[in-house]
C-alpha cells in the first residue's frame, strides 16, 4: 500500500474543511438512506461490498 504523509500546515484550510464537509454530507445521506432498512438488509449490503 502506498501513502503520503502531508506535513502540518501544508494544506490550505479550505481544502481540508471542504473535505470534511463532503464527508459529513455523505455520512448524513447514508444514514438517511439506511434509516428505514432492516438490520438484515444492511448486513447483506455490507457483506456484498467486499
N, C-alpha and C. Protein backbone atom coordinates (compact mmCIF):
# COMPACT_ATOMS: atom_id res chain seq x y z
N UNK A 1 0.84 -1.17 0.00
CA UNK A 1 0.00 0.00 0.00
C UNK A 1 0.89 1.23 0.00
N UNK A 2 0.51 2.19 -0.79
CA UNK A 2 1.26 3.43 -0.88
C UNK A 2 0.48 4.54 -0.19
N UNK A 3 1.17 5.40 0.50
CA UNK A 3 0.51 6.52 1.14
C UNK A 3 1.47 7.70 1.22
N UNK A 4 0.93 8.85 1.52
CA UNK A 4 1.71 10.08 1.54
C UNK A 4 1.46 10.79 2.86
N UNK A 5 2.52 11.17 3.53
CA UNK A 5 2.39 11.96 4.75
C UNK A 5 2.48 13.43 4.37
N UNK A 6 1.50 14.20 4.79
CA UNK A 6 1.47 15.62 4.47
C UNK A 6 1.83 16.39 5.74
N UNK A 7 2.87 17.20 5.70
CA UNK A 7 3.26 17.95 6.90
C UNK A 7 2.17 18.93 7.34
N UNK A 8 2.13 19.18 8.64
CA UNK A 8 1.15 20.13 9.18
C UNK A 8 1.32 21.50 8.53
N UNK A 9 0.21 22.12 8.21
CA UNK A 9 0.22 23.45 7.65
C UNK A 9 0.40 23.51 6.15
N UNK A 10 0.58 22.37 5.49
CA UNK A 10 0.81 22.36 4.05
C UNK A 10 -0.48 22.53 3.26
N UNK A 11 -1.56 21.91 3.73
CA UNK A 11 -2.84 22.02 3.03
C UNK A 11 -3.59 23.27 3.50
N UNK A 12 -4.13 24.03 2.56
CA UNK A 12 -4.94 25.19 2.95
C UNK A 12 -6.19 24.74 3.70
N UNK A 13 -6.66 25.60 4.59
CA UNK A 13 -7.84 25.28 5.40
C UNK A 13 -9.04 24.96 4.52
N UNK A 14 -9.20 25.66 3.42
CA UNK A 14 -10.35 25.43 2.54
C UNK A 14 -10.37 24.00 2.02
N UNK A 15 -9.22 23.40 1.77
CA UNK A 15 -9.17 22.03 1.24
C UNK A 15 -9.63 21.02 2.27
N UNK A 16 -9.03 21.07 3.48
CA UNK A 16 -9.41 20.05 4.45
C UNK A 16 -10.80 20.32 5.03
N UNK A 17 -11.19 21.59 5.13
CA UNK A 17 -12.54 21.90 5.60
C UNK A 17 -13.58 21.45 4.56
N UNK A 18 -13.26 21.66 3.29
CA UNK A 18 -14.16 21.19 2.23
C UNK A 18 -14.30 19.68 2.23
N UNK A 19 -13.21 18.99 2.42
CA UNK A 19 -13.25 17.53 2.51
C UNK A 19 -14.06 17.06 3.70
N UNK A 20 -13.95 17.77 4.80
CA UNK A 20 -14.73 17.42 5.99
C UNK A 20 -16.22 17.62 5.74
N UNK A 21 -16.58 18.70 5.07
CA UNK A 21 -17.99 18.97 4.76
C UNK A 21 -18.54 17.88 3.83
N UNK A 22 -17.78 17.50 2.83
CA UNK A 22 -18.22 16.45 1.90
C UNK A 22 -18.39 15.12 2.64
N UNK A 23 -17.44 14.78 3.51
CA UNK A 23 -17.53 13.53 4.27
C UNK A 23 -18.76 13.53 5.18
N UNK A 24 -19.03 14.65 5.83
CA UNK A 24 -20.21 14.72 6.69
C UNK A 24 -21.50 14.63 5.88
N UNK A 25 -21.53 15.26 4.71
CA UNK A 25 -22.72 15.19 3.85
C UNK A 25 -22.98 13.75 3.41
N UNK A 26 -21.92 13.02 3.05
CA UNK A 26 -22.08 11.63 2.64
C UNK A 26 -22.53 10.76 3.81
N UNK A 27 -22.01 11.04 4.99
CA UNK A 27 -22.41 10.29 6.18
C UNK A 27 -23.89 10.52 6.50
N UNK A 28 -24.34 11.77 6.41
CA UNK A 28 -25.74 12.07 6.66
C UNK A 28 -26.63 11.40 5.63
N UNK A 29 -26.22 11.44 4.36
CA UNK A 29 -27.01 10.80 3.29
C UNK A 29 -27.11 9.30 3.52
N UNK A 30 -26.01 8.66 3.84
CA UNK A 30 -26.02 7.22 4.08
C UNK A 30 -26.89 6.88 5.28
N UNK A 31 -26.84 7.71 6.30
CA UNK A 31 -27.66 7.48 7.48
C UNK A 31 -29.14 7.58 7.16
N UNK A 32 -29.51 8.57 6.36
CA UNK A 32 -30.92 8.73 5.99
C UNK A 32 -31.40 7.61 5.08
N UNK A 33 -30.55 7.14 4.19
CA UNK A 33 -30.94 6.06 3.29
C UNK A 33 -31.12 4.74 4.04
N UNK A 34 -30.35 4.53 5.09
CA UNK A 34 -30.43 3.26 5.80
C UNK A 34 -31.38 3.31 7.00
N UNK A 35 -31.99 4.45 7.23
CA UNK A 35 -32.86 4.61 8.40
C UNK A 35 -34.03 3.63 8.38
N UNK A 36 -34.62 3.41 7.22
CA UNK A 36 -35.80 2.55 7.12
C UNK A 36 -35.48 1.12 6.69
N UNK A 37 -34.23 0.82 6.49
CA UNK A 37 -33.84 -0.53 6.08
C UNK A 37 -33.78 -1.44 7.30
N UNK A 38 -34.08 -2.70 7.08
CA UNK A 38 -34.00 -3.66 8.18
C UNK A 38 -32.52 -3.96 8.48
N UNK A 39 -32.23 -4.36 9.70
CA UNK A 39 -30.84 -4.70 10.04
C UNK A 39 -30.28 -5.81 9.15
N UNK A 40 -31.13 -6.75 8.75
CA UNK A 40 -30.68 -7.84 7.88
C UNK A 40 -30.26 -7.30 6.52
N UNK A 41 -31.02 -6.36 5.97
CA UNK A 41 -30.67 -5.78 4.67
C UNK A 41 -29.36 -5.01 4.75
N UNK A 42 -29.17 -4.27 5.82
CA UNK A 42 -27.92 -3.51 6.00
C UNK A 42 -26.75 -4.47 6.10
N UNK A 43 -26.94 -5.58 6.80
CA UNK A 43 -25.87 -6.56 6.92
C UNK A 43 -25.53 -7.18 5.57
N UNK A 44 -26.54 -7.48 4.76
CA UNK A 44 -26.30 -8.04 3.43
C UNK A 44 -25.58 -7.04 2.53
N UNK A 45 -25.95 -5.77 2.61
CA UNK A 45 -25.30 -4.74 1.79
C UNK A 45 -23.84 -4.58 2.19
N UNK A 46 -23.56 -4.63 3.46
CA UNK A 46 -22.18 -4.52 3.92
C UNK A 46 -21.36 -5.71 3.50
N UNK A 47 -21.95 -6.86 3.46
CA UNK A 47 -21.26 -8.08 3.06
C UNK A 47 -20.95 -8.08 1.57
N UNK A 48 -21.88 -7.54 0.76
CA UNK A 48 -21.70 -7.58 -0.69
C UNK A 48 -20.69 -6.53 -1.17
N UNK A 49 -20.32 -5.59 -0.32
CA UNK A 49 -19.37 -4.54 -0.72
C UNK A 49 -17.94 -5.07 -0.81
N UNK A 50 -17.70 -6.23 -0.26
CA UNK A 50 -16.33 -6.76 -0.25
C UNK A 50 -15.97 -7.40 -1.51
